[in-house]
């Protein structure tokens, strides 16, 4: 008895929905046949479809190109900063080494060119 009530209730709901949405759910027969005639599986795309697809493809390529250029720019700036820091560290190390080992005992390089 319970399944009969469920079946009756579901079928009543389906009929109610289909009658209210008759215009929105179903398409006229002529429109449906025109749709399938216009576009079958192997039919070529229309010019408007091809233009739309190509413009979307170009826009996606442009966005991808801009993204990769931005990533490359960020990477180059990161590498440049790292190289600058490395140069500063090595320069500081060499300066501290010179100061430790030669702490004012020898004149600067230009005056000490010709060591005898």
PDB file of N, CA and C in Angstrom:
ATOM      1  N   UNK A   1       0.813  -1.179   0.000  1.00  0.00           N
ATOM      2  CA  UNK A   1       0.000   0.000   0.000  1.00  0.00           C
ATOM      3  C   UNK A   1       0.870   1.262   0.000  1.00  0.00           C
ATOM      4  N   UNK A   2       1.974   1.213   0.723  1.00  0.00           N
ATOM      5  CA  UNK A   2       2.846   2.372   0.829  1.00  0.00           C
ATOM      6  C   UNK A   2       3.486   2.711  -0.520  1.00  0.00           C
ATOM      7  N   UNK A   3       3.913   1.718  -1.283  1.00  0.00           N
ATOM      8  CA  UNK A   3       4.574   1.986  -2.561  1.00  0.00           C
ATOM      9  C   UNK A   3       3.598   2.565  -3.573  1.00  0.00           C
ATOM     10  N   UNK A   4       2.305   2.183  -3.464  1.00  0.00           N
ATOM     11  CA  UNK A   4       1.304   2.740  -4.376  1.00  0.00           C
ATOM     12  C   UNK A   4       1.114   4.239  -4.116  1.00  0.00           C
ATOM     13  N   UNK A   5       1.122   4.611  -2.848  1.00  0.00           N
ATOM     14  CA  UNK A   5       0.979   6.024  -2.512  1.00  0.00           C
ATOM     15  C   UNK A   5       2.189   6.820  -2.990  1.00  0.00           C
ATOM     16  N   UNK A   6       3.384   6.266  -2.819  1.00  0.00           N
ATOM     17  CA  UNK A   6       4.606   6.942  -3.290  1.00  0.00           C
ATOM     18  C   UNK A   6       4.599   7.094  -4.810  1.00  0.00           C
ATOM     19  N   UNK A   7       4.193   6.010  -5.503  1.00  0.00           N
ATOM     20  CA  UNK A   7       4.155   6.059  -6.965  1.00  0.00           C
ATOM     21  C   UNK A   7       3.148   7.097  -7.440  1.00  0.00           C
ATOM     22  N   UNK A   8       1.976   7.134  -6.820  1.00  0.00           N
ATOM     23  CA  UNK A   8       0.939   8.084  -7.193  1.00  0.00           C
ATOM     24  C   UNK A   8       1.393   9.516  -6.926  1.00  0.00           C
ATOM     25  N   UNK A   9       2.029   9.721  -5.802  1.00  0.00           N
ATOM     26  CA  UNK A   9       2.513  11.060  -5.458  1.00  0.00           C
ATOM     27  C   UNK A   9       3.608  11.527  -6.431  1.00  0.00           C
ATOM     28  N   UNK A  10       4.551  10.645  -6.762  1.00  0.00           N
ATOM     29  CA  UNK A  10       5.626  11.004  -7.707  1.00  0.00           C
ATOM     30  C   UNK A  10       5.074  11.278  -9.099  1.00  0.00           C
ATOM     31  N   UNK A  11       4.160  10.455  -9.565  1.00  0.00           N
ATOM     32  CA  UNK A  11       3.607  10.671 -10.908  1.00  0.00           C
ATOM     33  C   UNK A  11       2.782  11.963 -10.948  1.00  0.00           C
ATOM     34  N   UNK A  12       2.069  12.263  -9.873  1.00  0.00           N
ATOM     35  CA  UNK A  12       1.308  13.504  -9.818  1.00  0.00           C
ATOM     36  C   UNK A  12       2.235  14.710  -9.848  1.00  0.00           C
ATOM     37  N   UNK A  13       3.343  14.637  -9.120  1.00  0.00           N
ATOM     38  CA  UNK A  13       4.313  15.729  -9.124  1.00  0.00           C
ATOM     39  C   UNK A  13       4.933  15.903 -10.509  1.00  0.00           C
ATOM     40  N   UNK A  14       5.236  14.801 -11.179  1.00  0.00           N
ATOM     41  CA  UNK A  14       5.829  14.876 -12.518  1.00  0.00           C
ATOM     42  C   UNK A  14       4.852  15.499 -13.505  1.00  0.00           C
ATOM     43  N   UNK A  15       3.578  15.102 -13.454  1.00  0.00           N
ATOM     44  CA  UNK A  15       2.577  15.667 -14.365  1.00  0.00           C
ATOM     45  C   UNK A  15       2.410  17.153 -14.086  1.00  0.00           C
ATOM     46  N   UNK A  16       2.407  17.533 -12.826  1.00  0.00           N
ATOM     47  CA  UNK A  16       2.261  18.949 -12.467  1.00  0.00           C
ATOM     48  C   UNK A  16       3.420  19.780 -13.001  1.00  0.00           C
ATOM     49  N   UNK A  17       4.629  19.268 -12.832  1.00  0.00           N
ATOM     50  CA  UNK A  17       5.825  19.994 -13.309  1.00  0.00           C
ATOM     51  C   UNK A  17       5.817  20.099 -14.825  1.00  0.00           C
ATOM     52  N   UNK A  18       5.474  19.004 -15.505  1.00  0.00           N
ATOM     53  CA  UNK A  18       5.484  19.024 -16.968  1.00  0.00           C
ATOM     54  C   UNK A  18       4.403  19.935 -17.541  1.00  0.00           C
ATOM     55  N   UNK A  19       3.265  20.019 -16.880  1.00  0.00           N
ATOM     56  CA  UNK A  19       2.226  20.917 -17.409  1.00  0.00           C
ATOM     57  C   UNK A  19       2.595  22.371 -17.168  1.00  0.00           C
ATOM     58  N   UNK A  20       3.224  22.672 -16.052  1.00  0.00           N
ATOM     59  CA  UNK A  20       3.597  24.066 -15.795  1.00  0.00           C
ATOM     60  C   UNK A  20       4.770  24.504 -16.660  1.00  0.00           C
ATOM     61  N   UNK A  21       5.709  23.613 -16.901  1.00  0.00           N
ATOM     62  CA  UNK A  21       6.911  23.980 -17.642  1.00  0.00           C
ATOM     63  C   UNK A  21       6.881  23.475 -19.081  1.00  0.00           C
ATOM     64  N   UNK A  22       5.708  23.277 -19.608  1.00  0.00           N
ATOM     65  CA  UNK A  22       5.563  22.733 -20.952  1.00  0.00           C
ATOM     66  C   UNK A  22       6.288  23.591 -21.980  1.00  0.00           C
ATOM     67  N   UNK A  23       6.166  24.884 -21.864  1.00  0.00           N
ATOM     68  CA  UNK A  23       6.786  25.771 -22.835  1.00  0.00           C
ATOM     69  C   UNK A  23       8.299  25.848 -22.652  1.00  0.00           C
ATOM     70  N   UNK A  24       8.773  25.660 -21.429  1.00  0.00           N
ATOM     71  CA  UNK A  24      10.200  25.799 -21.177  1.00  0.00           C
ATOM     72  C   UNK A  24      10.966  24.494 -21.401  1.00  0.00           C
ATOM     73  N   UNK A  25      10.331  23.354 -21.186  1.00  0.00           N
ATOM     74  CA  UNK A  25      11.027  22.070 -21.284  1.00  0.00           C
ATOM     75  C   UNK A  25      11.055  21.569 -22.719  1.00  0.00           C
ATOM     76  N   UNK A  26       9.938  21.627 -23.405  1.00  0.00           N
ATOM     77  CA  UNK A  26       9.844  21.048 -24.731  1.00  0.00           C
ATOM     78  C   UNK A  26       9.990  22.114 -25.801  1.00  0.00           C
ATOM     79  N   UNK A  27      10.514  21.681 -26.940  1.00  0.00           N
ATOM     80  CA  UNK A  27      10.722  22.570 -28.078  1.00  0.00           C
ATOM     81  C   UNK A  27       9.773  22.135 -29.188  1.00  0.00           C
ATOM     82  N   UNK A  28       9.360  23.072 -29.979  1.00  0.00           N
ATOM     83  CA  UNK A  28       8.476  22.735 -31.091  1.00  0.00           C
ATOM     84  C   UNK A  28       9.190  21.789 -32.051  1.00  0.00           C
ATOM     85  N   UNK A  29       8.417  20.982 -32.750  1.00  0.00           N
ATOM     86  CA  UNK A  29       8.984  19.949 -33.625  1.00  0.00           C
ATOM     87  C   UNK A  29       9.804  20.561 -34.757  1.00  0.00           C
ATOM     88  N   UNK A  30       9.334  21.649 -35.308  1.00  0.00           N
ATOM     89  CA  UNK A  30      10.073  22.273 -36.406  1.00  0.00           C
ATOM     90  C   UNK A  30      11.410  22.811 -35.919  1.00  0.00           C
ATOM     91  N   UNK A  31      11.423  23.400 -34.711  1.00  0.00           N
ATOM     92  CA  UNK A  31      12.687  23.904 -34.168  1.00  0.00           C
ATOM     93  C   UNK A  31      13.663  22.769 -33.894  1.00  0.00           C
ATOM     94  N   UNK A  32      13.145  21.664 -33.378  1.00  0.00           N
ATOM     95  CA  UNK A  32      14.019  20.525 -33.090  1.00  0.00           C
ATOM     96  C   UNK A  32      14.594  19.945 -34.377  1.00  0.00           C
ATOM     97  N   UNK A  33      13.773  19.795 -35.396  1.00  0.00           N
ATOM     98  CA  UNK A  33      14.291  19.236 -36.642  1.00  0.00           C
ATOM     99  C   UNK A  33      15.282  20.190 -37.298  1.00  0.00           C
ATOM    100  N   UNK A  34      15.015  21.501 -37.221  1.00  0.00           N
ATOM    101  CA  UNK A  34      15.967  22.472 -37.759  1.00  0.00           C
ATOM    102  C   UNK A  34      17.291  22.429 -37.009  1.00  0.00           C
ATOM    103  N   UNK A  35      17.223  22.232 -35.698  1.00  0.00           N
ATOM    104  CA  UNK A  35      18.441  22.149 -34.916  1.00  0.00           C
ATOM    105  C   UNK A  35      19.293  20.966 -35.356  1.00  0.00           C
ATOM    106  N   UNK A  36      18.656  19.805 -35.513  1.00  0.00           N
ATOM    107  CA  UNK A  36      19.430  18.630 -35.894  1.00  0.00           C
ATOM    108  C   UNK A  36      19.874  18.683 -37.347  1.00  0.00           C
ATOM    109  N   UNK A  37      19.103  19.322 -38.220  1.00  0.00           N
ATOM    110  CA  UNK A  37      19.545  19.476 -39.604  1.00  0.00           C
ATOM    111  C   UNK A  37      20.725  20.435 -39.697  1.00  0.00           C
ATOM    112  N   UNK A  38      20.666  21.466 -38.898  1.00  0.00           N
ATOM    113  CA  UNK A  38      21.708  22.495 -38.960  1.00  0.00           C
ATOM    114  C   UNK A  38      23.041  21.972 -38.448  1.00  0.00           C
ATOM    115  N   UNK A  39      23.019  21.093 -37.467  1.00  0.00           N
ATOM    116  CA  UNK A  39      24.284  20.684 -36.851  1.00  0.00           C
ATOM    117  C   UNK A  39      24.266  19.191 -36.588  1.00  0.00           C
ATOM    118  N   UNK A  40      24.832  18.429 -37.489  1.00  0.00           N
ATOM    119  CA  UNK A  40      25.014  17.005 -37.238  1.00  0.00           C
ATOM    120  C   UNK A  40      26.432  16.789 -36.761  1.00  0.00           C
ATOM    121  N   UNK A  41      26.770  15.563 -36.503  1.00  0.00           N
ATOM    122  CA  UNK A  41      28.103  15.287 -35.956  1.00  0.00           C
ATOM    123  C   UNK A  41      29.221  15.656 -36.914  1.00  0.00           C
ATOM    124  N   UNK A  42      29.028  15.329 -38.162  1.00  0.00           N
ATOM    125  CA  UNK A  42      30.117  15.538 -39.117  1.00  0.00           C
ATOM    126  C   UNK A  42      29.956  16.803 -39.945  1.00  0.00           C
ATOM    127  N   UNK A  43      28.974  17.590 -39.635  1.00  0.00           N
ATOM    128  CA  UNK A  43      28.797  18.803 -40.430  1.00  0.00           C
ATOM    129  C   UNK A  43      29.867  19.817 -40.054  1.00  0.00           C
ATOM    130  N   UNK A  44      30.311  20.594 -41.022  1.00  0.00           N
ATOM    131  CA  UNK A  44      31.325  21.613 -40.714  1.00  0.00           C
ATOM    132  C   UNK A  44      30.737  22.728 -39.864  1.00  0.00           C
ATOM    133  N   UNK A  45      31.594  23.360 -39.116  1.00  0.00           N
ATOM    134  CA  UNK A  45      31.149  24.457 -38.261  1.00  0.00           C
ATOM    135  C   UNK A  45      30.850  25.680 -39.119  1.00  0.00           C
ATOM    136  N   UNK A  46      29.942  26.471 -38.621  1.00  0.00           N
ATOM    137  CA  UNK A  46      29.618  27.697 -39.350  1.00  0.00           C
ATOM    138  C   UNK A  46      30.755  28.703 -39.160  1.00  0.00           C
ATOM    139  N   UNK A  47      30.748  29.713 -40.014  1.00  0.00           N
ATOM    140  CA  UNK A  47      31.793  30.732 -39.946  1.00  0.00           C
ATOM    141  C   UNK A  47      31.769  31.472 -38.608  1.00  0.00           C
ATOM    142  N   UNK A  48      30.581  31.758 -38.106  1.00  0.00           N
ATOM    143  CA  UNK A  48      30.464  32.464 -36.828  1.00  0.00           C
ATOM    144  C   UNK A  48      31.025  31.623 -35.686  1.00  0.00           C
ATOM    145  N   UNK A  49      30.753  30.303 -35.714  1.00  0.00           N
ATOM    146  CA  UNK A  49      31.299  29.416 -34.680  1.00  0.00           C
ATOM    147  C   UNK A  49      32.818  29.373 -34.737  1.00  0.00           C
ATOM    148  N   UNK A  50      33.349  29.289 -35.945  1.00  0.00           N
ATOM    149  CA  UNK A  50      34.806  29.245 -36.083  1.00  0.00           C
ATOM    150  C   UNK A  50      35.443  30.541 -35.600  1.00  0.00           C
ATOM    151  N   UNK A  51      34.841  31.673 -35.935  1.00  0.00           N
ATOM    152  CA  UNK A  51      35.377  32.966 -35.496  1.00  0.00           C
ATOM    153  C   UNK A  51      35.328  33.070 -33.979  1.00  0.00           C
ATOM    154  N   UNK A  52      34.207  32.641 -33.388  1.00  0.00           N
ATOM    155  CA  UNK A  52      34.078  32.707 -31.926  1.00  0.00           C
ATOM    156  C   UNK A  52      35.111  31.812 -31.242  1.00  0.00           C
ATOM    157  N   UNK A  53      35.286  30.588 -31.755  1.00  0.00           N
ATOM    158  CA  UNK A  53      36.274  29.676 -31.161  1.00  0.00           C
ATOM    159  C   UNK A  53      37.684  30.219 -31.304  1.00  0.00           C
ATOM    160  N   UNK A  54      37.993  30.770 -32.472  1.00  0.00           N
ATOM    161  CA  UNK A  54      39.333  31.320 -32.674  1.00  0.00           C
ATOM    162  C   UNK A  54      39.596  32.525 -31.768  1.00  0.00           C
ATOM    163  N   UNK A  55      38.592  33.366 -31.583  1.00  0.00           N
ATOM    164  CA  UNK A  55      38.804  34.522 -30.703  1.00  0.00           C
ATOM    165  C   UNK A  55      38.989  34.071 -29.259  1.00  0.00           C
ATOM    166  N   UNK A  56      38.237  33.061 -28.834  1.00  0.00           N
ATOM    167  CA  UNK A  56      38.430  32.525 -27.483  1.00  0.00           C
ATOM    168  C   UNK A  56      39.807  31.894 -27.340  1.00  0.00           C
ATOM    169  N   UNK A  57      40.239  31.172 -28.362  1.00  0.00           N
ATOM    170  CA  UNK A  57      41.555  30.539 -28.323  1.00  0.00           C
ATOM    171  C   UNK A  57      42.663  31.598 -28.272  1.00  0.00           C
ATOM    172  N   UNK A  58      42.507  32.662 -29.072  1.00  0.00           N
ATOM    173  CA  UNK A  58      43.502  33.740 -29.050  1.00  0.00           C
ATOM    174  C   UNK A  58      43.558  34.441 -27.701  1.00  0.00           C
ATOM    175  N   UNK A  59      42.386  34.672 -27.115  1.00  0.00           N
ATOM    176  CA  UNK A  59      42.349  35.322 -25.797  1.00  0.00           C
ATOM    177  C   UNK A  59      43.017  34.446 -24.740  1.00  0.00           C
ATOM    178  N   UNK A  60      42.767  33.136 -24.790  1.00  0.00           N
ATOM    179  CA  UNK A  60      43.401  32.223 -23.832  1.00  0.00           C
ATOM    180  C   UNK A  60      44.910  32.184 -24.046  1.00  0.00           C
ATOM    181  N   UNK A  61      45.350  32.173 -25.309  1.00  0.00           N
ATOM    182  CA  UNK A  61      46.792  32.191 -25.592  1.00  0.00           C
ATOM    183  C   UNK A  61      47.438  33.469 -25.082  1.00  0.00           C
ATOM    184  N   UNK A  62      46.753  34.582 -25.253  1.00  0.00           N
ATOM    185  CA  UNK A  62      47.290  35.859 -24.780  1.00  0.00           C
ATOM    186  C   UNK A  62      47.417  35.872 -23.260  1.00  0.00           C
ATOM    187  N   UNK A  63      46.387  35.370 -22.586  1.00  0.00           N
ATOM    188  CA  UNK A  63      46.462  35.298 -21.118  1.00  0.00           C
ATOM    189  C   UNK A  63      47.595  34.390 -20.668  1.00  0.00           C
ATOM    190  N   UNK A  64      47.769  33.253 -21.348  1.00  0.00           N
ATOM    191  CA  UNK A  64      48.849  32.328 -21.006  1.00  0.00           C
ATOM    192  C   UNK A  64      50.213  32.966 -21.250  1.00  0.00           C
ATOM    193  N   UNK A  65      50.331  33.695 -22.351  1.00  0.00           N
ATOM    194  CA  UNK A  65      51.590  34.364 -22.667  1.00  0.00           C
ATOM    195  C   UNK A  65      51.922  35.426 -21.622  1.00  0.00           C
ATOM    196  N   UNK A  66      50.926  36.238 -21.253  1.00  0.00           N
ATOM    197  CA  UNK A  66      51.158  37.256 -20.229  1.00  0.00           C
ATOM    198  C   UNK A  66      51.549  36.627 -18.897  1.00  0.00           C
ATOM    199  N   UNK A  67      50.914  35.523 -18.545  1.00  0.00           N
ATOM    200  CA  UNK A  67      51.235  34.846 -17.290  1.00  0.00           C
ATOM    201  C   UNK A  67      52.678  34.354 -17.302  1.00  0.00           C
ATOM    202  N   UNK A  68      53.089  33.726 -18.408  1.00  0.00           N
ATOM    203  CA  UNK A  68      54.459  33.207 -18.484  1.00  0.00           C
ATOM    204  C   UNK A  68      55.481  34.337 -18.512  1.00  0.00           C
ATOM    205  N   UNK A  69      55.169  35.440 -19.181  1.00  0.00           N
ATOM    206  CA  UNK A  69      56.080  36.590 -19.168  1.00  0.00           C
ATOM    207  C   UNK A  69      56.227  37.154 -17.756  1.00  0.00           C
ATOM    208  N   UNK A  70      55.112  37.223 -17.035  1.00  0.00           N
ATOM    209  CA  UNK A  70      55.169  37.722 -15.661  1.00  0.00           C
ATOM    210  C   UNK A  70      56.003  36.787 -14.776  1.00  0.00           C
ATOM    211  N   UNK A  71      55.808  35.485 -14.956  1.00  0.00           N
ATOM    212  CA  UNK A  71      56.596  34.527 -14.171  1.00  0.00           C
ATOM    213  C   UNK A  71      58.085  34.645 -14.498  1.00  0.00           C
ATOM    214  N   UNK A  72      58.406  34.818 -15.787  1.00  0.00           N
ATOM    215  CA  UNK A  72      59.803  34.957 -16.190  1.00  0.00           C
ATOM    216  C   UNK A  72      60.403  36.227 -15.608  1.00  0.00           C
ATOM    217  N   UNK A  73      59.659  37.324 -15.630  1.00  0.00           N
ATOM    218  CA  UNK A  73      60.139  38.581 -15.067  1.00  0.00           C
ATOM    219  C   UNK A  73      60.402  38.436 -13.570  1.00  0.00           C
ATOM    220  N   UNK A  74      59.476  37.802 -12.851  1.00  0.00           N
ATOM    221  CA  UNK A  74      59.669  37.598 -11.414  1.00  0.00           C
ATOM    222  C   UNK A  74      60.891  36.729 -11.148  1.00  0.00           C
ATOM    223  N   UNK A  75      61.074  35.681 -11.949  1.00  0.00           N
ATOM    224  CA  UNK A  75      62.227  34.796 -11.760  1.00  0.00           C
ATOM    225  C   UNK A  75      63.529  35.535 -12.030  1.00  0.00           C
ATOM    226  N   UNK A  76      63.560  36.356 -13.100  1.00  0.00           N
ATOM    227  CA  UNK A  76      64.777  37.107 -13.408  1.00  0.00           C
ATOM    228  C   UNK A  76      65.107  38.101 -12.299  1.00  0.00           C
ATOM    229  N   UNK A  77      64.100  38.780 -11.768  1.00  0.00           N
ATOM    230  CA  UNK A  77      64.364  39.728 -10.687  1.00  0.00           C
ATOM    231  C   UNK A  77      64.841  38.990  -9.439  1.00  0.00           C
ATOM    232  N   UNK A  78      64.279  37.803  -9.176  1.00  0.00           N
ATOM    233  CA  UNK A  78      64.727  37.010  -8.031  1.00  0.00           C
ATOM    234  C   UNK A  78      66.182  36.598  -8.208  1.00  0.00           C
ATOM    235  N   UNK A  79      66.546  36.138  -9.397  1.00  0.00           N
ATOM    236  CA  UNK A  79      67.923  35.713  -9.660  1.00  0.00           C
ATOM    237  C   UNK A  79      68.876  36.896  -9.531  1.00  0.00           C
ATOM    238  N   UNK A  80      68.464  38.052 -10.048  1.00  0.00           N
ATOM    239  CA  UNK A  80      69.314  39.240  -9.948  1.00  0.00           C
ATOM    240  C   UNK A  80      69.546  39.636  -8.494  1.00  0.00           C
ATOM    241  N   UNK A  81      68.477  39.595  -7.684  1.00  0.00           N
ATOM    242  CA  UNK A  81      68.632  39.913  -6.262  1.00  0.00           C
ATOM    243  C   UNK A  81      69.561  38.916  -5.572  1.00  0.00           C
ATOM    244  N   UNK A  82      69.407  37.645  -5.901  1.00  0.00           N
ATOM    245  CA  UNK A  82      70.270  36.623  -5.295  1.00  0.00           C
ATOM    246  C   UNK A  82      71.734  36.842  -5.684  1.00  0.00           C
ATOM    247  N   UNK A  83      71.967  37.186  -6.954  1.00  0.00           N
ATOM    248  CA  UNK A  83      73.348  37.430  -7.394  1.00  0.00           C
ATOM    249  C   UNK A  83      73.935  38.659  -6.700  1.00  0.00           C
ATOM    250  N   UNK A  84      73.113  39.702  -6.538  1.00  0.00           N
ATOM    251  CA  UNK A  84      73.580  40.897  -5.835  1.00  0.00           C
ATOM    252  C   UNK A  84      73.937  40.574  -4.380  1.00  0.00           C
ATOM    253  N   UNK A  85      73.079  39.809  -3.738  1.00  0.00           N
ATOM    254  CA  UNK A  85      73.363  39.433  -2.355  1.00  0.00           C
ATOM    255  C   UNK A  85      74.614  38.577  -2.263  1.00  0.00           C
ATOM    256  N   UNK A  86      74.770  37.654  -3.195  1.00  0.00           N
ATOM    257  CA  UNK A  86      75.969  36.797  -3.204  1.00  0.00           C
ATOM    258  C   UNK A  86      77.222  37.644  -3.410  1.00  0.00           C
ATOM    259  N   UNK A  87      77.154  38.614  -4.312  1.00  0.00           N
ATOM    260  CA  UNK A  87      78.300  39.492  -4.541  1.00  0.00           C
ATOM    261  C   UNK A  87      78.633  40.286  -3.281  1.00  0.00           C
ATOM    262  N   UNK A  88      77.589  40.822  -2.629  1.00  0.00           N
ATOM    263  CA  UNK A  88      77.829  41.583  -1.405  1.00  0.00           C
ATOM    264  C   UNK A  88      78.453  40.716  -0.320  1.00  0.00           C
ATOM    265  N   UNK A  89      77.944  39.488  -0.176  1.00  0.00           N
ATOM    266  CA  UNK A  89      78.508  38.604   0.846  1.00  0.00           C
ATOM    267  C   UNK A  89      79.966  38.265   0.557  1.00  0.00           C
ATOM    268  N   UNK A  90      80.282  37.943  -0.698  1.00  0.00           N
ATOM    269  CA  UNK A  90      81.668  37.602  -1.026  1.00  0.00           C
ATOM    270  C   UNK A  90      82.579  38.829  -0.884  1.00  0.00           C
ATOM    271  N   UNK A  91      82.070  40.001  -1.250  1.00  0.00           N
ATOM    272  CA  UNK A  91      82.857  41.222  -1.107  1.00  0.00           C
ATOM    273  C   UNK A  91      83.140  41.510   0.369  1.00  0.00           C
ATOM    274  N   UNK A  92      82.100  41.353   1.204  1.00  0.00           N
ATOM    275  CA  UNK A  92      82.298  41.561   2.638  1.00  0.00           C
ATOM    276  C   UNK A  92      83.289  40.554   3.215  1.00  0.00           C
ATOM    277  N   UNK A  93      83.200  39.305   2.763  1.00  0.00           N
ATOM    278  CA  UNK A  93      84.137  38.287   3.260  1.00  0.00           C
ATOM    279  C   UNK A  93      85.567  38.629   2.870  1.00  0.00           C
ATOM    280  N   UNK A  94      85.735  39.015   1.606  1.00  0.00           N
ATOM    281  CA  UNK A  94      87.103  39.336   1.174  1.00  0.00           C
ATOM    282  C   UNK A  94      87.630  40.580   1.885  1.00  0.00           C
ATOM    283  N   UNK A  95      86.766  41.563   2.132  1.00  0.00           N
ATOM    284  CA  UNK A  95      87.194  42.763   2.848  1.00  0.00           C
ATOM    285  C   UNK A  95      87.580  42.430   4.287  1.00  0.00           C
ATOM    286  N   UNK A  96      86.765  41.607   4.924  1.00  0.00           N
ATOM    287  CA  UNK A  96      87.101  41.250   6.305  1.00  0.00           C
ATOM    288  C   UNK A  96      88.376  40.413   6.353  1.00  0.00           C
ATOM    289  N   UNK A  97      88.580  39.537   5.358  1.00  0.00           N
ATOM    290  CA  UNK A  97      89.808  38.735   5.317  1.00  0.00           C
ATOM    291  C   UNK A  97      91.020  39.641   5.139  1.00  0.00           C
ATOM    292  N   UNK A  98      90.921  40.623   4.220  1.00  0.00           N
ATOM    293  CA  UNK A  98      92.028  41.552   4.010  1.00  0.00           C
ATOM    294  C   UNK A  98      92.313  42.356   5.275  1.00  0.00           C
ATOM    295  N   UNK A  99      91.255  42.809   5.918  1.00  0.00           N
ATOM    296  CA  UNK A  99      91.447  43.599   7.123  1.00  0.00           C
ATOM    297  C   UNK A  99      92.080  42.753   8.235  1.00  0.00           C
ATOM    298  N   UNK A 100      91.682  41.511   8.325  1.00  0.00           N
ATOM    299  CA  UNK A 100      92.244  40.643   9.357  1.00  0.00           C
ATOM    300  C   UNK A 100      93.716  40.346   9.095  1.00  0.00           C
ATOM    301  N   UNK A 101      94.059  40.025   7.848  1.00  0.00           N
ATOM    302  CA  UNK A 101      95.415  39.598   7.544  1.00  0.00           C
ATOM    303  C   UNK A 101      96.380  40.743   7.299  1.00  0.00           C
ATOM    304  N   UNK A 102      95.887  41.825   6.751  1.00  0.00           N
ATOM    305  CA  UNK A 102      96.802  42.914   6.392  1.00  0.00           C
ATOM    306  C   UNK A 102      96.537  44.168   7.196  1.00  0.00           C
ATOM    307  N   UNK A 103      95.769  44.121   8.217  1.00  0.00           N
ATOM    308  CA  UNK A 103      95.339  45.227   9.039  1.00  0.00           C
ATOM    309  C   UNK A 103      96.217  46.461   9.058  1.00  0.00           C
ATOM    310  N   UNK A 104      96.400  47.140   7.952  1.00  0.00           N
ATOM    311  CA  UNK A 104      97.117  48.391   7.901  1.00  0.00           C
ATOM    312  C   UNK A 104      98.620  48.243   7.770  1.00  0.00           C
ATOM    313  N   UNK A 105      99.136  47.042   7.607  1.00  0.00           N
ATOM    314  CA  UNK A 105     100.576  46.860   7.495  1.00  0.00           C
ATOM    315  C   UNK A 105     101.097  47.213   6.113  1.00  0.00           C
ATOM    316  N   UNK A 106     100.286  47.040   5.094  1.00  0.00           N
ATOM    317  CA  UNK A 106     100.725  47.324   3.734  1.00  0.00           C
ATOM    318  C   UNK A 106      99.920  48.486   3.182  1.00  0.00           C
ATOM    319  N   UNK A 107     100.512  49.274   2.323  1.00  0.00           N
ATOM    320  CA  UNK A 107      99.735  50.343   1.683  1.00  0.00           C
ATOM    321  C   UNK A 107      98.734  49.740   0.707  1.00  0.00           C
ATOM    322  N   UNK A 108      97.810  50.516   0.242  1.00  0.00           N
ATOM    323  CA  UNK A 108      96.832  50.000  -0.711  1.00  0.00           C
ATOM    324  C   UNK A 108      97.506  49.455  -1.968  1.00  0.00           C
ATOM    325  N   UNK A 109      96.740  48.729  -2.745  1.00  0.00           N
ATOM    326  CA  UNK A 109      97.251  48.004  -3.901  1.00  0.00           C
ATOM    327  C   UNK A 109      97.960  48.910  -4.885  1.00  0.00           C
ATOM    328  N   UNK A 110      97.418  50.075  -5.176  1.00  0.00           N
ATOM    329  CA  UNK A 110      98.020  50.940  -6.191  1.00  0.00           C
ATOM    330  C   UNK A 110      99.447  51.334  -5.821  1.00  0.00           C
ATOM    331  N   UNK A 111      99.717  51.516  -4.550  1.00  0.00           N
ATOM    332  CA  UNK A 111     101.063  51.906  -4.134  1.00  0.00           C
ATOM    333  C   UNK A 111     101.957  50.696  -3.919  1.00  0.00           C
ATOM    334  N   UNK A 112     101.355  49.512  -3.883  1.00  0.00           N
ATOM    335  CA  UNK A 112     102.122  48.306  -3.589  1.00  0.00           C
ATOM    336  C   UNK A 112     102.202  47.406  -4.825  1.00  0.00           C
ATOM    337  N   UNK A 113     102.212  47.991  -6.009  1.00  0.00           N
ATOM    338  CA  UNK A 113     102.218  47.223  -7.239  1.00  0.00           C
ATOM    339  C   UNK A 113     103.523  46.488  -7.431  1.00  0.00           C
ATOM    340  N   UNK A 114     104.585  47.129  -7.190  1.00  0.00           N
ATOM    341  CA  UNK A 114     105.872  46.530  -7.465  1.00  0.00           C
ATOM    342  C   UNK A 114     106.477  46.012  -6.169  1.00  0.00           C
ATOM    343  N   UNK A 115     106.186  44.750  -5.875  1.00  0.00           N
ATOM    344  CA  UNK A 115     106.740  44.198  -4.641  1.00  0.00           C
ATOM    345  C   UNK A 115     108.172  43.758  -4.837  1.00  0.00           C
ATOM    346  N   UNK A 116     109.099  44.229  -3.985  1.00  0.00           N
ATOM    347  CA  UNK A 116     110.514  43.890  -4.104  1.00  0.00           C
ATOM    348  C   UNK A 116     110.893  42.898  -3.048  1.00  0.00           C
TER     349      UNK A 116
END
